[in-house]
């Protein structure tokens, strides 16, 4: 029978070595913290195209570091799956927490009453309570558009927006709109993205801050 690696840290370390080798010179266009995020996304997706799709605004990493270190920060997500994937132990170390209102009764009723998506109502309600939260959107372009509308109306001023909705309808367009904004952001251009990509980014960011590697 073929032998294989069973140690979790050994598997991860070997994976990262393979990623670094296959990326080659492409990784040099990123700072070390940015490269760590890129590698984590590739580790999650096995898709090296993310090295070309990822866009990190100049203020994004410092904004997240400040957000996390000040404590008691809220990360708002557009799906429960995204919320479930965030490393709660690490987030709670900084007295932070996750909020997702997409599935509760008030959001459902408001969506029925207005004809809007639950994702839009989720963001709208969250912005009323947590206007300066980190917003992570991995699934719904409508949520990203609504957040941008709230920002423009000065009803929200997020510390950081992770905008990586996946799909064929308005996903790429909503991310381009975020790229044109002044708000600190991390984006994957085009159709690719998803909740797992957003999770990998958040967990990588928290680990960088926790280990003192965020420049």
C-alpha atoms as a PDB file:
ATOM      1  CA  UNK A   1       0.000   0.000   0.000  1.00  0.00           C
ATOM      2  CA  UNK A   2       1.262   3.458  -0.881  1.00  0.00           C
ATOM      3  CA  UNK A   3       2.412   5.572   2.060  1.00  0.00           C
ATOM      4  CA  UNK A   4       1.125   9.126   2.386  1.00  0.00           C
ATOM      5  CA  UNK A   5       1.407  12.112   4.689  1.00  0.00           C
ATOM      6  CA  UNK A   6      -1.034  12.013   7.607  1.00  0.00           C
ATOM      7  CA  UNK A   7       0.266  14.870   9.757  1.00  0.00           C
ATOM      8  CA  UNK A   8      -1.936  17.970   9.200  1.00  0.00           C
ATOM      9  CA  UNK A   9       0.934  20.445   9.537  1.00  0.00           C
ATOM     10  CA  UNK A  10       3.050  18.320   7.209  1.00  0.00           C
ATOM     11  CA  UNK A  11       0.303  18.330   4.589  1.00  0.00           C
ATOM     12  CA  UNK A  12      -0.083  22.095   4.826  1.00  0.00           C
ATOM     13  CA  UNK A  13       3.654  22.758   4.722  1.00  0.00           C
ATOM     14  CA  UNK A  14       4.104  20.565   1.658  1.00  0.00           C
ATOM     15  CA  UNK A  15       1.124  22.230  -0.002  1.00  0.00           C
ATOM     16  CA  UNK A  16       2.622  25.675   0.542  1.00  0.00           C
ATOM     17  CA  UNK A  17       5.959  24.571  -0.863  1.00  0.00           C
ATOM     18  CA  UNK A  18       4.232  23.269  -3.991  1.00  0.00           C
ATOM     19  CA  UNK A  19       2.280  26.534  -4.318  1.00  0.00           C
ATOM     20  CA  UNK A  20       5.432  28.639  -3.963  1.00  0.00           C
ATOM     21  CA  UNK A  21       7.257  26.510  -6.515  1.00  0.00           C
ATOM     22  CA  UNK A  22       4.456  26.697  -9.081  1.00  0.00           C
ATOM     23  CA  UNK A  23       3.936  30.430  -8.586  1.00  0.00           C
ATOM     24  CA  UNK A  24       7.601  31.115  -9.234  1.00  0.00           C
ATOM     25  CA  UNK A  25       8.362  34.754 -10.038  1.00  0.00           C
ATOM     26  CA  UNK A  26       4.678  35.712 -10.033  1.00  0.00           C
ATOM     27  CA  UNK A  27       4.712  35.942  -6.241  1.00  0.00           C
ATOM     28  CA  UNK A  28       7.303  38.730  -6.317  1.00  0.00           C
ATOM     29  CA  UNK A  29       4.724  41.359  -7.276  1.00  0.00           C
ATOM     30  CA  UNK A  30       3.185  41.004  -3.808  1.00  0.00           C
ATOM     31  CA  UNK A  31       4.455  42.134  -0.425  1.00  0.00           C
ATOM     32  CA  UNK A  32       5.050  39.255   2.050  1.00  0.00           C
ATOM     33  CA  UNK A  33       1.650  39.750   3.784  1.00  0.00           C
ATOM     34  CA  UNK A  34      -0.132  39.984   0.430  1.00  0.00           C
ATOM     35  CA  UNK A  35       1.685  36.865  -0.757  1.00  0.00           C
ATOM     36  CA  UNK A  36       0.489  35.004   2.333  1.00  0.00           C
ATOM     37  CA  UNK A  37      -3.116  35.859   1.432  1.00  0.00           C
ATOM     38  CA  UNK A  38      -2.635  34.834  -2.197  1.00  0.00           C
ATOM     39  CA  UNK A  39      -1.109  31.508  -1.183  1.00  0.00           C
ATOM     40  CA  UNK A  40      -3.915  30.840   1.274  1.00  0.00           C
ATOM     41  CA  UNK A  41      -6.546  31.454  -1.410  1.00  0.00           C
ATOM     42  CA  UNK A  42      -4.720  29.137  -3.804  1.00  0.00           C
ATOM     43  CA  UNK A  43      -4.380  26.547  -1.035  1.00  0.00           C
ATOM     44  CA  UNK A  44      -8.168  26.699  -0.571  1.00  0.00           C
ATOM     45  CA  UNK A  45      -9.084  26.568  -4.261  1.00  0.00           C
ATOM     46  CA  UNK A  46      -6.137  24.865  -6.018  1.00  0.00           C
ATOM     47  CA  UNK A  47      -6.561  27.624  -8.604  1.00  0.00           C
ATOM     48  CA  UNK A  48      -3.410  29.547  -9.488  1.00  0.00           C
ATOM     49  CA  UNK A  49      -5.345  32.107 -11.522  1.00  0.00           C
ATOM     50  CA  UNK A  50      -6.082  33.895  -8.242  1.00  0.00           C
ATOM     51  CA  UNK A  51      -2.517  35.195  -8.313  1.00  0.00           C
ATOM     52  CA  UNK A  52      -3.617  37.323 -11.263  1.00  0.00           C
ATOM     53  CA  UNK A  53      -7.173  38.072 -10.102  1.00  0.00           C
ATOM     54  CA  UNK A  54      -6.483  39.322  -6.597  1.00  0.00           C
ATOM     55  CA  UNK A  55      -6.504  43.078  -6.030  1.00  0.00           C
ATOM     56  CA  UNK A  56      -5.623  44.503  -2.619  1.00  0.00           C
ATOM     57  CA  UNK A  57      -6.001  48.248  -2.097  1.00  0.00           C
ATOM     58  CA  UNK A  58      -3.032  50.073  -0.511  1.00  0.00           C
ATOM     59  CA  UNK A  59      -4.844  50.716   2.782  1.00  0.00           C
ATOM     60  CA  UNK A  60      -6.515  47.316   3.121  1.00  0.00           C
ATOM     61  CA  UNK A  61      -4.048  45.413   5.279  1.00  0.00           C
ATOM     62  CA  UNK A  62      -3.327  48.260   7.675  1.00  0.00           C
ATOM     63  CA  UNK A  63      -7.063  48.906   7.977  1.00  0.00           C
ATOM     64  CA  UNK A  64      -7.712  45.315   8.970  1.00  0.00           C
ATOM     65  CA  UNK A  65      -4.832  45.325  11.442  1.00  0.00           C
ATOM     66  CA  UNK A  66      -6.207  48.450  13.138  1.00  0.00           C
ATOM     67  CA  UNK A  67      -9.716  46.970  13.155  1.00  0.00           C
ATOM     68  CA  UNK A  68      -8.587  43.730  14.779  1.00  0.00           C
ATOM     69  CA  UNK A  69      -6.210  45.206  17.342  1.00  0.00           C
ATOM     70  CA  UNK A  70      -8.690  47.770  18.605  1.00  0.00           C
ATOM     71  CA  UNK A  71     -10.874  44.868  19.744  1.00  0.00           C
ATOM     72  CA  UNK A  72     -14.598  44.201  19.821  1.00  0.00           C
ATOM     73  CA  UNK A  73     -14.822  44.401  16.045  1.00  0.00           C
ATOM     74  CA  UNK A  74     -17.648  42.838  14.051  1.00  0.00           C
ATOM     75  CA  UNK A  75     -17.227  40.934  10.800  1.00  0.00           C
ATOM     76  CA  UNK A  76     -20.452  40.984   8.789  1.00  0.00           C
ATOM     77  CA  UNK A  77     -20.904  38.197   6.234  1.00  0.00           C
ATOM     78  CA  UNK A  78     -23.433  37.672   3.460  1.00  0.00           C
ATOM     79  CA  UNK A  79     -23.864  33.935   4.069  1.00  0.00           C
ATOM     80  CA  UNK A  80     -24.000  31.623   7.052  1.00  0.00           C
ATOM     81  CA  UNK A  81     -21.485  29.354   5.338  1.00  0.00           C
ATOM     82  CA  UNK A  82     -18.959  32.184   5.242  1.00  0.00           C
ATOM     83  CA  UNK A  83     -19.670  32.992   8.890  1.00  0.00           C
ATOM     84  CA  UNK A  84     -19.185  29.350   9.878  1.00  0.00           C
ATOM     85  CA  UNK A  85     -15.748  29.145   8.263  1.00  0.00           C
ATOM     86  CA  UNK A  86     -14.166  32.044  10.150  1.00  0.00           C
ATOM     87  CA  UNK A  87     -11.715  31.013  12.856  1.00  0.00           C
ATOM     88  CA  UNK A  88     -13.763  31.984  15.908  1.00  0.00           C
ATOM     89  CA  UNK A  89     -11.038  31.068  18.381  1.00  0.00           C
ATOM     90  CA  UNK A  90      -8.635  33.502  16.759  1.00  0.00           C
ATOM     91  CA  UNK A  91     -11.275  36.203  16.285  1.00  0.00           C
ATOM     92  CA  UNK A  92     -12.403  35.926  19.904  1.00  0.00           C
ATOM     93  CA  UNK A  93      -8.787  36.336  20.983  1.00  0.00           C
ATOM     94  CA  UNK A  94      -9.217  39.908  19.743  1.00  0.00           C
ATOM     95  CA  UNK A  95     -12.720  40.080  21.312  1.00  0.00           C
ATOM     96  CA  UNK A  96     -14.254  40.155  17.844  1.00  0.00           C
ATOM     97  CA  UNK A  97     -17.371  38.413  16.594  1.00  0.00           C
ATOM     98  CA  UNK A  98     -19.229  37.494  13.411  1.00  0.00           C
ATOM     99  CA  UNK A  99     -22.690  38.707  12.432  1.00  0.00           C
ATOM    100  CA  UNK A 100     -24.917  37.363   9.650  1.00  0.00           C
ATOM    101  CA  UNK A 101     -28.592  38.329   9.587  1.00  0.00           C
ATOM    102  CA  UNK A 102     -29.460  36.764   6.248  1.00  0.00           C
ATOM    103  CA  UNK A 103     -31.432  33.878   7.700  1.00  0.00           C
ATOM    104  CA  UNK A 104     -33.414  35.422  10.529  1.00  0.00           C
ATOM    105  CA  UNK A 105     -37.135  36.126  10.477  1.00  0.00           C
ATOM    106  CA  UNK A 106     -36.911  39.902  10.250  1.00  0.00           C
ATOM    107  CA  UNK A 107     -34.667  39.708   7.196  1.00  0.00           C
ATOM    108  CA  UNK A 108     -36.936  37.178   5.514  1.00  0.00           C
ATOM    109  CA  UNK A 109     -40.036  39.303   6.102  1.00  0.00           C
ATOM    110  CA  UNK A 110     -38.365  42.516   4.954  1.00  0.00           C
ATOM    111  CA  UNK A 111     -37.245  40.784   1.758  1.00  0.00           C
ATOM    112  CA  UNK A 112     -40.823  39.667   1.091  1.00  0.00           C
ATOM    113  CA  UNK A 113     -42.190  43.132   1.817  1.00  0.00           C
ATOM    114  CA  UNK A 114     -39.700  45.008  -0.365  1.00  0.00           C
ATOM    115  CA  UNK A 115     -38.982  42.512  -3.137  1.00  0.00           C
ATOM    116  CA  UNK A 116     -35.263  42.854  -2.435  1.00  0.00           C
ATOM    117  CA  UNK A 117     -32.888  39.954  -1.886  1.00  0.00           C
ATOM    118  CA  UNK A 118     -32.282  38.743   1.658  1.00  0.00           C
ATOM    119  CA  UNK A 119     -28.615  39.497   1.094  1.00  0.00           C
ATOM    120  CA  UNK A 120     -29.438  43.174   0.496  1.00  0.00           C
ATOM    121  CA  UNK A 121     -31.622  43.350   3.602  1.00  0.00           C
ATOM    122  CA  UNK A 122     -28.895  41.611   5.606  1.00  0.00           C
ATOM    123  CA  UNK A 123     -26.369  44.286   4.635  1.00  0.00           C
ATOM    124  CA  UNK A 124     -28.874  47.106   5.185  1.00  0.00           C
ATOM    125  CA  UNK A 125     -29.749  45.914   8.690  1.00  0.00           C
ATOM    126  CA  UNK A 126     -26.123  45.226   9.571  1.00  0.00           C
ATOM    127  CA  UNK A 127     -25.072  48.703   8.477  1.00  0.00           C
ATOM    128  CA  UNK A 128     -27.561  50.234  10.892  1.00  0.00           C
ATOM    129  CA  UNK A 129     -25.936  48.385  13.784  1.00  0.00           C
ATOM    130  CA  UNK A 130     -22.332  48.058  12.635  1.00  0.00           C
ATOM    131  CA  UNK A 131     -21.495  50.777  10.091  1.00  0.00           C
ATOM    132  CA  UNK A 132     -17.734  50.433  10.684  1.00  0.00           C
ATOM    133  CA  UNK A 133     -17.542  46.649  10.584  1.00  0.00           C
ATOM    134  CA  UNK A 134     -15.492  44.530   8.208  1.00  0.00           C
ATOM    135  CA  UNK A 135     -17.863  43.319   5.480  1.00  0.00           C
ATOM    136  CA  UNK A 136     -17.100  40.002   3.776  1.00  0.00           C
ATOM    137  CA  UNK A 137     -19.215  39.252   0.706  1.00  0.00           C
ATOM    138  CA  UNK A 138     -18.530  35.954  -0.995  1.00  0.00           C
ATOM    139  CA  UNK A 139     -21.803  35.032  -2.631  1.00  0.00           C
ATOM    140  CA  UNK A 140     -24.203  37.851  -3.453  1.00  0.00           C
ATOM    141  CA  UNK A 141     -23.406  40.696  -5.873  1.00  0.00           C
ATOM    142  CA  UNK A 142     -26.630  42.370  -4.721  1.00  0.00           C
ATOM    143  CA  UNK A 143     -25.178  42.580  -1.207  1.00  0.00           C
ATOM    144  CA  UNK A 144     -22.054  44.272  -2.530  1.00  0.00           C
ATOM    145  CA  UNK A 145     -24.067  46.756  -4.591  1.00  0.00           C
ATOM    146  CA  UNK A 146     -26.226  47.563  -1.567  1.00  0.00           C
ATOM    147  CA  UNK A 147     -23.164  48.091   0.617  1.00  0.00           C
ATOM    148  CA  UNK A 148     -21.667  50.444  -1.970  1.00  0.00           C
ATOM    149  CA  UNK A 149     -24.940  52.364  -2.069  1.00  0.00           C
ATOM    150  CA  UNK A 150     -24.911  52.707   1.718  1.00  0.00           C
ATOM    151  CA  UNK A 151     -21.300  53.882   1.645  1.00  0.00           C
ATOM    152  CA  UNK A 152     -22.112  56.506  -0.974  1.00  0.00           C
ATOM    153  CA  UNK A 153     -25.073  57.643   1.140  1.00  0.00           C
ATOM    154  CA  UNK A 154     -22.740  57.865   4.163  1.00  0.00           C
ATOM    155  CA  UNK A 155     -24.792  55.283   6.002  1.00  0.00           C
ATOM    156  CA  UNK A 156     -21.831  52.917   6.280  1.00  0.00           C
ATOM    157  CA  UNK A 157     -18.078  53.360   6.511  1.00  0.00           C
ATOM    158  CA  UNK A 158     -16.601  49.849   6.648  1.00  0.00           C
ATOM    159  CA  UNK A 159     -13.112  49.270   7.995  1.00  0.00           C
ATOM    160  CA  UNK A 160     -12.572  46.890   5.066  1.00  0.00           C
ATOM    161  CA  UNK A 161     -14.675  45.276   2.369  1.00  0.00           C
ATOM    162  CA  UNK A 162     -13.751  41.824   1.131  1.00  0.00           C
ATOM    163  CA  UNK A 163     -15.689  41.653  -2.117  1.00  0.00           C
ATOM    164  CA  UNK A 164     -15.421  38.268  -3.808  1.00  0.00           C
ATOM    165  CA  UNK A 165     -18.943  37.278  -4.912  1.00  0.00           C
ATOM    166  CA  UNK A 166     -18.961  34.390  -7.344  1.00  0.00           C
ATOM    167  CA  UNK A 167     -21.180  33.908 -10.366  1.00  0.00           C
ATOM    168  CA  UNK A 168     -22.297  35.017 -13.815  1.00  0.00           C
ATOM    169  CA  UNK A 169     -24.837  37.764 -13.115  1.00  0.00           C
ATOM    170  CA  UNK A 170     -23.304  41.049 -11.907  1.00  0.00           C
ATOM    171  CA  UNK A 171     -20.518  39.333  -9.942  1.00  0.00           C
ATOM    172  CA  UNK A 172     -17.689  40.806 -12.009  1.00  0.00           C
ATOM    173  CA  UNK A 173     -19.467  44.148 -12.365  1.00  0.00           C
ATOM    174  CA  UNK A 174     -20.111  44.568  -8.640  1.00  0.00           C
ATOM    175  CA  UNK A 175     -16.447  43.899  -7.912  1.00  0.00           C
ATOM    176  CA  UNK A 176     -15.345  46.439 -10.487  1.00  0.00           C
ATOM    177  CA  UNK A 177     -17.557  48.978  -8.750  1.00  0.00           C
ATOM    178  CA  UNK A 178     -15.804  48.214  -5.462  1.00  0.00           C
ATOM    179  CA  UNK A 179     -12.410  48.574  -7.140  1.00  0.00           C
ATOM    180  CA  UNK A 180     -13.364  52.091  -8.182  1.00  0.00           C
ATOM    181  CA  UNK A 181     -14.255  53.091  -4.610  1.00  0.00           C
ATOM    182  CA  UNK A 182     -11.949  54.646  -2.011  1.00  0.00           C
ATOM    183  CA  UNK A 183     -12.937  52.187   0.715  1.00  0.00           C
ATOM    184  CA  UNK A 184     -10.175  49.714   1.750  1.00  0.00           C
ATOM    185  CA  UNK A 185     -10.877  46.521  -0.148  1.00  0.00           C
ATOM    186  CA  UNK A 186      -9.738  43.097  -1.275  1.00  0.00           C
ATOM    187  CA  UNK A 187     -11.287  41.893  -4.536  1.00  0.00           C
ATOM    188  CA  UNK A 188     -11.067  38.996  -6.949  1.00  0.00           C
ATOM    189  CA  UNK A 189     -11.685  40.318 -10.446  1.00  0.00           C
ATOM    190  CA  UNK A 190     -14.052  38.526 -12.760  1.00  0.00           C
ATOM    191  CA  UNK A 191     -16.499  35.715 -12.043  1.00  0.00           C
ATOM    192  CA  UNK A 192     -14.438  33.711  -9.590  1.00  0.00           C
ATOM    193  CA  UNK A 193     -14.675  33.955  -5.818  1.00  0.00           C
ATOM    194  CA  UNK A 194     -17.034  32.510  -3.250  1.00  0.00           C
ATOM    195  CA  UNK A 195     -17.523  32.082   0.473  1.00  0.00           C
ATOM    196  CA  UNK A 196     -14.542  29.759   0.844  1.00  0.00           C
ATOM    197  CA  UNK A 197     -12.296  32.364  -0.806  1.00  0.00           C
ATOM    198  CA  UNK A 198     -13.542  35.063   1.553  1.00  0.00           C
ATOM    199  CA  UNK A 199     -12.995  32.767   4.543  1.00  0.00           C
ATOM    200  CA  UNK A 200      -9.451  32.003   3.485  1.00  0.00           C
ATOM    201  CA  UNK A 201      -8.697  35.729   3.236  1.00  0.00           C
ATOM    202  CA  UNK A 202     -10.127  36.579   6.650  1.00  0.00           C
ATOM    203  CA  UNK A 203      -8.358  33.712   8.390  1.00  0.00           C
ATOM    204  CA  UNK A 204      -5.084  34.585   6.661  1.00  0.00           C
ATOM    205  CA  UNK A 205      -5.437  38.234   7.705  1.00  0.00           C
ATOM    206  CA  UNK A 206      -6.109  37.316  11.331  1.00  0.00           C
ATOM    207  CA  UNK A 207      -3.159  34.929  11.403  1.00  0.00           C
ATOM    208  CA  UNK A 208      -0.836  37.603  10.002  1.00  0.00           C
ATOM    209  CA  UNK A 209      -1.887  40.058  12.714  1.00  0.00           C
ATOM    210  CA  UNK A 210      -1.712  37.420  15.455  1.00  0.00           C
ATOM    211  CA  UNK A 211       1.826  36.422  14.433  1.00  0.00           C
ATOM    212  CA  UNK A 212       2.994  40.026  14.067  1.00  0.00           C
ATOM    213  CA  UNK A 213       3.636  39.629  10.344  1.00  0.00           C
ATOM    214  CA  UNK A 214       1.356  42.389   9.118  1.00  0.00           C
ATOM    215  CA  UNK A 215       3.543  45.237   7.901  1.00  0.00           C
END
